[in-house]
C-alpha atoms as a PDB file:
ATOM      1  CA  MET A   1      65.946 -78.518  21.854  1.00  0.00           C
ATOM      2  CA  VAL A   2      66.234 -82.294  21.485  1.00  0.00           C
ATOM      3  CA  GLN A   3      64.405 -84.084  24.298  1.00  0.00           C
ATOM      4  CA  ALA A   4      64.028 -87.577  22.839  1.00  0.00           C
ATOM      5  CA  VAL A   5      65.987 -89.854  20.536  1.00  0.00           C
ATOM      6  CA  VAL A   6      64.175 -92.271  18.230  1.00  0.00           C
ATOM      7  CA  PHE A   7      66.221 -95.088  16.719  1.00  0.00           C
ATOM      8  CA  ASP A   8      65.634 -97.245  13.708  1.00  0.00           C
ATOM      9  CA  ALA A   9      66.323-100.875  14.637  1.00  0.00           C
ATOM     10  CA  TYR A  10      67.514-102.963  11.689  1.00  0.00           C
ATOM     11  CA  GLY A  11      70.966-101.909  10.568  1.00  0.00           C
ATOM     12  CA  THR A  12      71.085 -98.982  12.982  1.00  0.00           C
ATOM     13  CA  LEU A  13      71.069-100.659  16.384  1.00  0.00           C
ATOM     14  CA  PHE A  14      71.260-104.282  15.253  1.00  0.00           C
ATOM     15  CA  ASN A  15      73.559-105.858  12.679  1.00  0.00           C
ATOM     16  CA  VAL A  16      71.380-107.401   9.974  1.00  0.00           C
ATOM     17  CA  GLN A  17      74.398-108.756   8.097  1.00  0.00           C
ATOM     18  CA  SER A  18      75.060-111.149  10.970  1.00  0.00           C
ATOM     19  CA  VAL A  19      72.440-113.486   9.458  1.00  0.00           C
ATOM     20  CA  ALA A  20      75.064-114.369   6.846  1.00  0.00           C
ATOM     21  CA  ILE A  21      76.684-116.681   9.407  1.00  0.00           C
ATOM     22  CA  ALA A  22      73.514-118.743   9.850  1.00  0.00           C
ATOM     23  CA  CYS A  23      72.929-118.778   6.089  1.00  0.00           C
ATOM     24  CA  ASP A  24      76.472-119.940   5.443  1.00  0.00           C
ATOM     25  CA  LYS A  25      76.022-122.889   7.783  1.00  0.00           C
ATOM     26  CA  GLU A  26      73.124-124.095   5.655  1.00  0.00           C
ATOM     27  CA  TYR A  27      74.587-123.047   2.310  1.00  0.00           C
ATOM     28  CA  PRO A  28      78.395-122.956   2.593  1.00  0.00           C
ATOM     29  CA  GLY A  29      79.946-120.163   0.580  1.00  0.00           C
ATOM     30  CA  ASN A  30      76.598-118.463  -0.049  1.00  0.00           C
ATOM     31  CA  GLY A  31      75.868-116.823   3.291  1.00  0.00           C
ATOM     32  CA  GLU A  32      76.883-113.304   2.367  1.00  0.00           C
ATOM     33  CA  ILE A  33      75.039-113.163  -0.944  1.00  0.00           C
ATOM     34  CA  ILE A  34      71.911-114.706   0.587  1.00  0.00           C
ATOM     35  CA  SER A  35      71.862-112.106   3.356  1.00  0.00           C
ATOM     36  CA  ARG A  36      72.434-109.268   0.885  1.00  0.00           C
ATOM     37  CA  ILE A  37      69.611-110.295  -1.478  1.00  0.00           C
ATOM     38  CA  TRP A  38      67.350-111.121   1.469  1.00  0.00           C
ATOM     39  CA  ARG A  39      67.794-107.664   2.977  1.00  0.00           C
ATOM     40  CA  GLN A  40      67.319-105.880  -0.335  1.00  0.00           C
ATOM     41  CA  LYS A  41      64.087-107.744  -1.021  1.00  0.00           C
ATOM     42  CA  GLN A  42      62.818-107.009   2.490  1.00  0.00           C
ATOM     43  CA  LEU A  43      63.217-103.316   1.795  1.00  0.00           C
ATOM     44  CA  GLU A  44      61.721-103.481  -1.685  1.00  0.00           C
ATOM     45  CA  TYR A  45      58.645-105.294  -0.401  1.00  0.00           C
ATOM     46  CA  THR A  46      58.106-102.722   2.364  1.00  0.00           C
ATOM     47  CA  TRP A  47      58.123-100.020  -0.313  1.00  0.00           C
ATOM     48  CA  LEU A  48      56.032-101.897  -2.883  1.00  0.00           C
ATOM     49  CA  ARG A  49      53.306-103.439  -0.746  1.00  0.00           C
ATOM     50  CA  PRO A  50      51.897-100.126   0.569  1.00  0.00           C
ATOM     51  CA  LEU A  51      51.824 -98.749  -2.976  1.00  0.00           C
ATOM     52  CA  MET A  52      49.925-101.852  -4.079  1.00  0.00           C
ATOM     53  CA  ASN A  53      47.542-101.699  -1.075  1.00  0.00           C
ATOM     54  CA  ARG A  54      48.730-105.181  -0.119  1.00  0.00           C
ATOM     55  CA  TYR A  55      50.125-104.607   3.369  1.00  0.00           C
ATOM     56  CA  VAL A  56      51.330-107.560   5.427  1.00  0.00           C
ATOM     57  CA  GLY A  57      53.363-107.508   8.627  1.00  0.00           C
ATOM     58  CA  PHE A  58      57.142-107.505   8.596  1.00  0.00           C
ATOM     59  CA  ASP A  59      57.312-111.088   9.849  1.00  0.00           C
ATOM     60  CA  ARG A  60      55.757-112.112   6.517  1.00  0.00           C
ATOM     61  CA  VAL A  61      57.906-109.666   4.522  1.00  0.00           C
ATOM     62  CA  ASN A  62      61.001-111.078   6.197  1.00  0.00           C
ATOM     63  CA  ARG A  63      60.167-114.628   5.147  1.00  0.00           C
ATOM     64  CA  ASP A  64      59.154-113.598   1.637  1.00  0.00           C
ATOM     65  CA  GLY A  65      62.467-111.806   1.135  1.00  0.00           C
ATOM     66  CA  LEU A  66      64.346-114.902   2.259  1.00  0.00           C
ATOM     67  CA  ARG A  67      62.355-117.188  -0.040  1.00  0.00           C
ATOM     68  CA  PHE A  68      63.108-114.906  -2.975  1.00  0.00           C
ATOM     69  CA  ALA A  69      66.830-114.927  -2.194  1.00  0.00           C
ATOM     70  CA  LEU A  70      66.975-118.714  -2.021  1.00  0.00           C
ATOM     71  CA  ARG A  71      64.979-119.156  -5.219  1.00  0.00           C
ATOM     72  CA  GLN A  72      67.031-116.514  -7.026  1.00  0.00           C
ATOM     73  CA  LEU A  73      70.187-118.452  -6.156  1.00  0.00           C
ATOM     74  CA  ARG A  74      68.582-121.793  -7.102  1.00  0.00           C
ATOM     75  CA  LEU A  75      69.029-123.148  -3.575  1.00  0.00           C
ATOM     76  CA  SER A  76      66.673-125.821  -2.273  1.00  0.00           C
ATOM     77  CA  PHE A  77      64.761-125.228   0.971  1.00  0.00           C
ATOM     78  CA  ASP A  78      61.675-126.169   2.926  1.00  0.00           C
ATOM     79  CA  GLU A  79      59.452-124.074   5.176  1.00  0.00           C
ATOM     80  CA  ALA A  80      61.093-125.390   8.339  1.00  0.00           C
ATOM     81  CA  LEU A  81      64.407-123.962   7.147  1.00  0.00           C
ATOM     82  CA  VAL A  82      62.778-120.655   6.183  1.00  0.00           C
ATOM     83  CA  GLU A  83      61.356-120.428   9.700  1.00  0.00           C
ATOM     84  CA  GLU A  84      64.710-121.243  11.277  1.00  0.00           C
ATOM     85  CA  LEU A  85      66.619-118.645   9.267  1.00  0.00           C
ATOM     86  CA  ALA A  86      63.901-115.998   9.587  1.00  0.00           C
ATOM     87  CA  ASN A  87      64.058-116.353  13.361  1.00  0.00           C
ATOM     88  CA  THR A  88      67.663-115.142  13.306  1.00  0.00           C
ATOM     89  CA  TYR A  89      66.069-111.682  13.128  1.00  0.00           C
ATOM     90  CA  LEU A  90      65.004-112.211  16.734  1.00  0.00           C
ATOM     91  CA  THR A  91      68.608-112.606  17.892  1.00  0.00           C
ATOM     92  CA  LEU A  92      70.517-110.084  15.772  1.00  0.00           C
ATOM     93  CA  PRO A  93      73.451-108.728  17.787  1.00  0.00           C
ATOM     94  CA  PRO A  94      73.785-104.991  18.364  1.00  0.00           C
ATOM     95  CA  HIS A  95      76.598-103.195  16.605  1.00  0.00           C
ATOM     96  CA  HIS A  96      79.613-103.245  18.887  1.00  0.00           C
ATOM     97  CA  GLU A  97      79.355 -99.626  20.080  1.00  0.00           C
ATOM     98  CA  VAL A  98      75.588 -99.567  20.638  1.00  0.00           C
ATOM     99  CA  PRO A  99      75.470-100.514  24.357  1.00  0.00           C
ATOM    100  CA  LYS A 100      78.092 -97.886  25.180  1.00  0.00           C
ATOM    101  CA  GLY A 101      76.330 -95.290  23.054  1.00  0.00           C
ATOM    102  CA  LEU A 102      72.995 -95.934  24.744  1.00  0.00           C
ATOM    103  CA  ARG A 103      74.572 -95.640  28.193  1.00  0.00           C
ATOM    104  CA  ARG A 104      75.831 -92.202  27.229  1.00  0.00           C
ATOM    105  CA  MET A 105      72.315 -90.987  26.335  1.00  0.00           C
ATOM    106  CA  THR A 106      70.547 -91.673  29.609  1.00  0.00           C
ATOM    107  CA  GLN A 107      69.612 -88.005  29.996  1.00  0.00           C
ATOM    108  CA  LEU A 108      67.325 -88.307  26.950  1.00  0.00           C
ATOM    109  CA  ARG A 109      64.150 -90.302  26.418  1.00  0.00           C
ATOM    110  CA  ARG A 110      64.781 -93.131  23.948  1.00  0.00           C
ATOM    111  CA  PHE A 111      62.467 -95.041  21.634  1.00  0.00           C
ATOM    112  CA  ILE A 112      62.731 -97.542  18.807  1.00  0.00           C
ATOM    113  CA  LEU A 113      60.685 -96.916  15.652  1.00  0.00           C
ATOM    114  CA  SER A 114      60.926 -99.732  13.141  1.00  0.00           C
ATOM    115  CA  ASN A 115      59.180-101.539  10.321  1.00  0.00           C
ATOM    116  CA  GLY A 116      59.451-104.720  12.394  1.00  0.00           C
ATOM    117  CA  THR A 117      56.387-106.014  14.198  1.00  0.00           C
ATOM    118  CA  GLU A 118      56.087-105.228  17.888  1.00  0.00           C
ATOM    119  CA  GLU A 119      56.543-108.902  18.745  1.00  0.00           C
ATOM    120  CA  MET A 120      59.709-109.201  16.650  1.00  0.00           C
ATOM    121  CA  LEU A 121      61.203-106.027  18.097  1.00  0.00           C
ATOM    122  CA  THR A 122      60.331-106.855  21.694  1.00  0.00           C
ATOM    123  CA  LYS A 123      61.958-110.280  21.430  1.00  0.00           C
ATOM    124  CA  LEU A 124      65.016-108.778  19.751  1.00  0.00           C
ATOM    125  CA  VAL A 125      65.476-106.164  22.468  1.00  0.00           C
ATOM    126  CA  GLN A 126      64.892-108.706  25.237  1.00  0.00           C
ATOM    127  CA  ASN A 127      67.290-111.236  23.731  1.00  0.00           C
ATOM    128  CA  ASN A 128      69.988-108.557  23.828  1.00  0.00           C
ATOM    129  CA  HIS A 129      69.063-107.456  27.383  1.00  0.00           C
ATOM    130  CA  LEU A 130      68.401-103.886  26.245  1.00  0.00           C
ATOM    131  CA  GLU A 131      64.804-103.549  27.440  1.00  0.00           C
ATOM    132  CA  GLY A 132      65.827-101.057  30.136  1.00  0.00           C
ATOM    133  CA  ASP A 133      67.316 -98.732  27.532  1.00  0.00           C
ATOM    134  CA  PHE A 134      64.078 -97.748  25.791  1.00  0.00           C
ATOM    135  CA  GLU A 135      60.926 -96.034  26.958  1.00  0.00           C
ATOM    136  CA  GLY A 136      58.943 -97.502  24.097  1.00  0.00           C
ATOM    137  CA  ILE A 137      59.098 -99.797  21.079  1.00  0.00           C
ATOM    138  CA  LEU A 138      57.047 -98.477  18.167  1.00  0.00           C
ATOM    139  CA  SER A 139      56.103-100.585  15.157  1.00  0.00           C
ATOM    140  CA  ALA A 140      54.951 -99.486  11.716  1.00  0.00           C
ATOM    141  CA  ASP A 141      52.406-102.275  12.072  1.00  0.00           C
ATOM    142  CA  GLY A 142      50.405 -99.828  14.178  1.00  0.00           C
ATOM    143  CA  VAL A 143      49.491 -97.827  11.075  1.00  0.00           C
ATOM    144  CA  LEU A 144      49.572-100.703   8.550  1.00  0.00           C
ATOM    145  CA  THR A 145      52.208 -99.175   6.323  1.00  0.00           C
ATOM    146  CA  TYR A 146      55.977 -98.799   6.274  1.00  0.00           C
ATOM    147  CA  LYS A 147      58.624 -96.117   6.467  1.00  0.00           C
ATOM    148  CA  PRO A 148      59.157 -93.700   4.815  1.00  0.00           C
ATOM    149  CA  ASP A 149      55.393 -93.055   4.965  1.00  0.00           C
ATOM    150  CA  PRO A 150      54.936 -90.001   7.245  1.00  0.00           C
ATOM    151  CA  ALA A 151      52.253 -91.904   9.167  1.00  0.00           C
ATOM    152  CA  VAL A 152      54.964 -94.133  10.625  1.00  0.00           C
ATOM    153  CA  TYR A 153      57.104 -91.232  11.840  1.00  0.00           C
ATOM    154  CA  THR A 154      54.003 -89.712  13.432  1.00  0.00           C
ATOM    155  CA  LEU A 155      53.937 -92.703  15.798  1.00  0.00           C
ATOM    156  CA  ALA A 156      57.057 -91.308  17.468  1.00  0.00           C
ATOM    157  CA  VAL A 157      55.533 -87.852  17.892  1.00  0.00           C
ATOM    158  CA  SER A 158      52.419 -89.377  19.452  1.00  0.00           C
ATOM    159  CA  ALA A 159      54.383 -91.641  21.801  1.00  0.00           C
ATOM    160  CA  ALA A 160      56.830 -88.982  22.951  1.00  0.00           C
ATOM    161  CA  LYS A 161      54.164 -86.244  23.092  1.00  0.00           C
ATOM    162  CA  LEU A 162      56.718 -83.803  21.740  1.00  0.00           C
ATOM    163  CA  PRO A 163      56.914 -81.536  18.706  1.00  0.00           C
ATOM    164  CA  LYS A 164      58.756 -83.246  15.867  1.00  0.00           C
ATOM    165  CA  GLU A 165      61.471 -80.586  16.073  1.00  0.00           C
ATOM    166  CA  ASP A 166      62.353 -81.795  19.589  1.00  0.00           C
ATOM    167  CA  ILE A 167      62.979 -85.368  18.424  1.00  0.00           C
ATOM    168  CA  LEU A 168      66.306 -86.627  17.083  1.00  0.00           C
ATOM    169  CA  PHE A 169      65.781 -89.504  14.670  1.00  0.00           C
ATOM    170  CA  VAL A 170      68.731 -91.856  14.176  1.00  0.00           C
ATOM    171  CA  SER A 171      69.127 -94.292  11.290  1.00  0.00           C
ATOM    172  CA  SER A 172      71.863 -95.983   9.291  1.00  0.00           C
ATOM    173  CA  ASN A 173      69.602 -96.333   6.245  1.00  0.00           C
ATOM    174  CA  GLY A 174      69.878 -93.480   3.765  1.00  0.00           C
ATOM    175  CA  TRP A 175      66.287 -93.795   2.541  1.00  0.00           C
ATOM    176  CA  ASP A 176      65.045 -93.703   6.164  1.00  0.00           C
ATOM    177  CA  VAL A 177      67.207 -90.669   6.893  1.00  0.00           C
ATOM    178  CA  ALA A 178      65.638 -88.907   3.911  1.00  0.00           C
ATOM    179  CA  GLY A 179      62.123 -89.887   4.975  1.00  0.00           C
ATOM    180  CA  ALA A 180      62.609 -88.715   8.551  1.00  0.00           C
ATOM    181  CA  LYS A 181      64.182 -85.419   7.515  1.00  0.00           C
ATOM    182  CA  SER A 182      61.411 -84.784   5.002  1.00  0.00           C
ATOM    183  CA  TYR A 183      58.920 -85.425   7.812  1.00  0.00           C
ATOM    184  CA  GLY A 184      60.544 -82.716   9.928  1.00  0.00           C
ATOM    185  CA  PHE A 185      62.713 -84.505  12.474  1.00  0.00           C
ATOM    186  CA  THR A 186      66.226 -83.498  13.398  1.00  0.00           C
ATOM    187  CA  VAL A 187      68.132 -86.418  11.873  1.00  0.00           C
ATOM    188  CA  ALA A 188      71.433 -88.179  12.455  1.00  0.00           C
ATOM    189  CA  TRP A 189      72.764 -90.567   9.829  1.00  0.00           C
ATOM    190  CA  VAL A 190      74.933 -93.353  11.247  1.00  0.00           C
ATOM    191  CA  ASN A 191      77.022 -93.939   8.145  1.00  0.00           C
ATOM    192  CA  ARG A 192      79.208 -96.850   9.224  1.00  0.00           C
ATOM    193  CA  LYS A 193      80.092 -97.869   5.665  1.00  0.00           C
ATOM    194  CA  GLY A 194      80.899 -94.445   4.245  1.00  0.00           C
ATOM    195  CA  SER A 195      77.988 -94.663   1.802  1.00  0.00           C
ATOM    196  CA  ALA A 196      77.028 -91.884  -0.584  1.00  0.00           C
ATOM    197  CA  PRO A 197      73.960 -89.880   0.450  1.00  0.00           C
ATOM    198  CA  GLU A 198      70.644 -90.435  -1.279  1.00  0.00           C
ATOM    199  CA  GLU A 199      69.710 -87.938  -4.016  1.00  0.00           C
ATOM    200  CA  LEU A 200      66.343 -86.993  -2.512  1.00  0.00           C
ATOM    201  CA  ASP A 201      66.751 -83.241  -1.903  1.00  0.00           C
ATOM    202  CA  VAL A 202      67.182 -83.566   1.864  1.00  0.00           C
ATOM    203  CA  VAL A 203      70.305 -83.938   3.974  1.00  0.00           C
ATOM    204  CA  PRO A 204      70.711 -85.092   7.586  1.00  0.00           C
ATOM    205  CA  ASP A 205      71.606 -82.656  10.324  1.00  0.00           C
ATOM    206  CA  TYR A 206      74.444 -84.908  11.459  1.00  0.00           C
ATOM    207  CA  GLU A 207      76.504 -87.636   9.833  1.00  0.00           C
ATOM    208  CA  VAL A 208      78.473 -89.874  12.185  1.00  0.00           C
ATOM    209  CA  ARG A 209      80.387 -93.133  12.021  1.00  0.00           C
ATOM    210  CA  ASP A 210      78.697 -94.714  15.043  1.00  0.00           C
ATOM    211  CA  LEU A 211      76.555 -94.017  18.096  1.00  0.00           C
ATOM    212  CA  VAL A 212      79.484 -93.070  20.296  1.00  0.00           C
ATOM    213  CA  GLU A 213      80.423 -90.283  17.901  1.00  0.00           C
ATOM    214  CA  LEU A 214      76.793 -89.157  17.986  1.00  0.00           C
ATOM    215  CA  THR A 215      76.846 -88.974  21.783  1.00  0.00           C
ATOM    216  CA  ASN A 216      79.901 -86.727  21.591  1.00  0.00           C
ATOM    217  CA  ILE A 217      77.780 -84.285  19.576  1.00  0.00           C
ATOM    218  CA  ILE A 218      74.721 -84.615  21.814  1.00  0.00           C
ATOM    219  CA  ASN A 219      76.723 -84.144  24.998  1.00  0.00           C
ATOM    220  CA  SER A 220      78.911 -81.289  23.751  1.00  0.00           C
END
């Protein structure tokens, strides 16, 4: 029986594509492509660095992904601008249905488990006035690796003090869904974009369009 819900942060609760607006102000007409390359490189670096035994925190990964995007597009920048744009990750807005969805899950314990650093995640939650909605904020930084390493998912089991089978893990990222399901969680995929599932031999227990639809399942 599910007793706790653990949410991924970036893309699941908070809209990472919103950084395109800030990028477009600095580089008119390029905001969307900058944000897309930036996000892809973030993810690639979180997968590659652990394999290379070259872990750094997500605050560094975030800036490195942005620098790559700007260089790839032959756009000039300085470190002050990198800092300014990287800090947009501290003010990402939640997806429109997230506050309502969280309010409809108050009977369950709720946590965030993310690759972001604890400082980044805490500021993000506070800036969106959601600190009362979560029992804990868990960062992959605590085990010096990144999802989908099982060590990261174990942080949620330790924090909740529950068997993994009693935890519902929620993510919008297909690779994260696969990692969490492989670990042994009950998993819900928030597939807002109608993406194809990953070909990794595991499937989520639930596939929903948003958090409100998920609460309809939880509360049924």
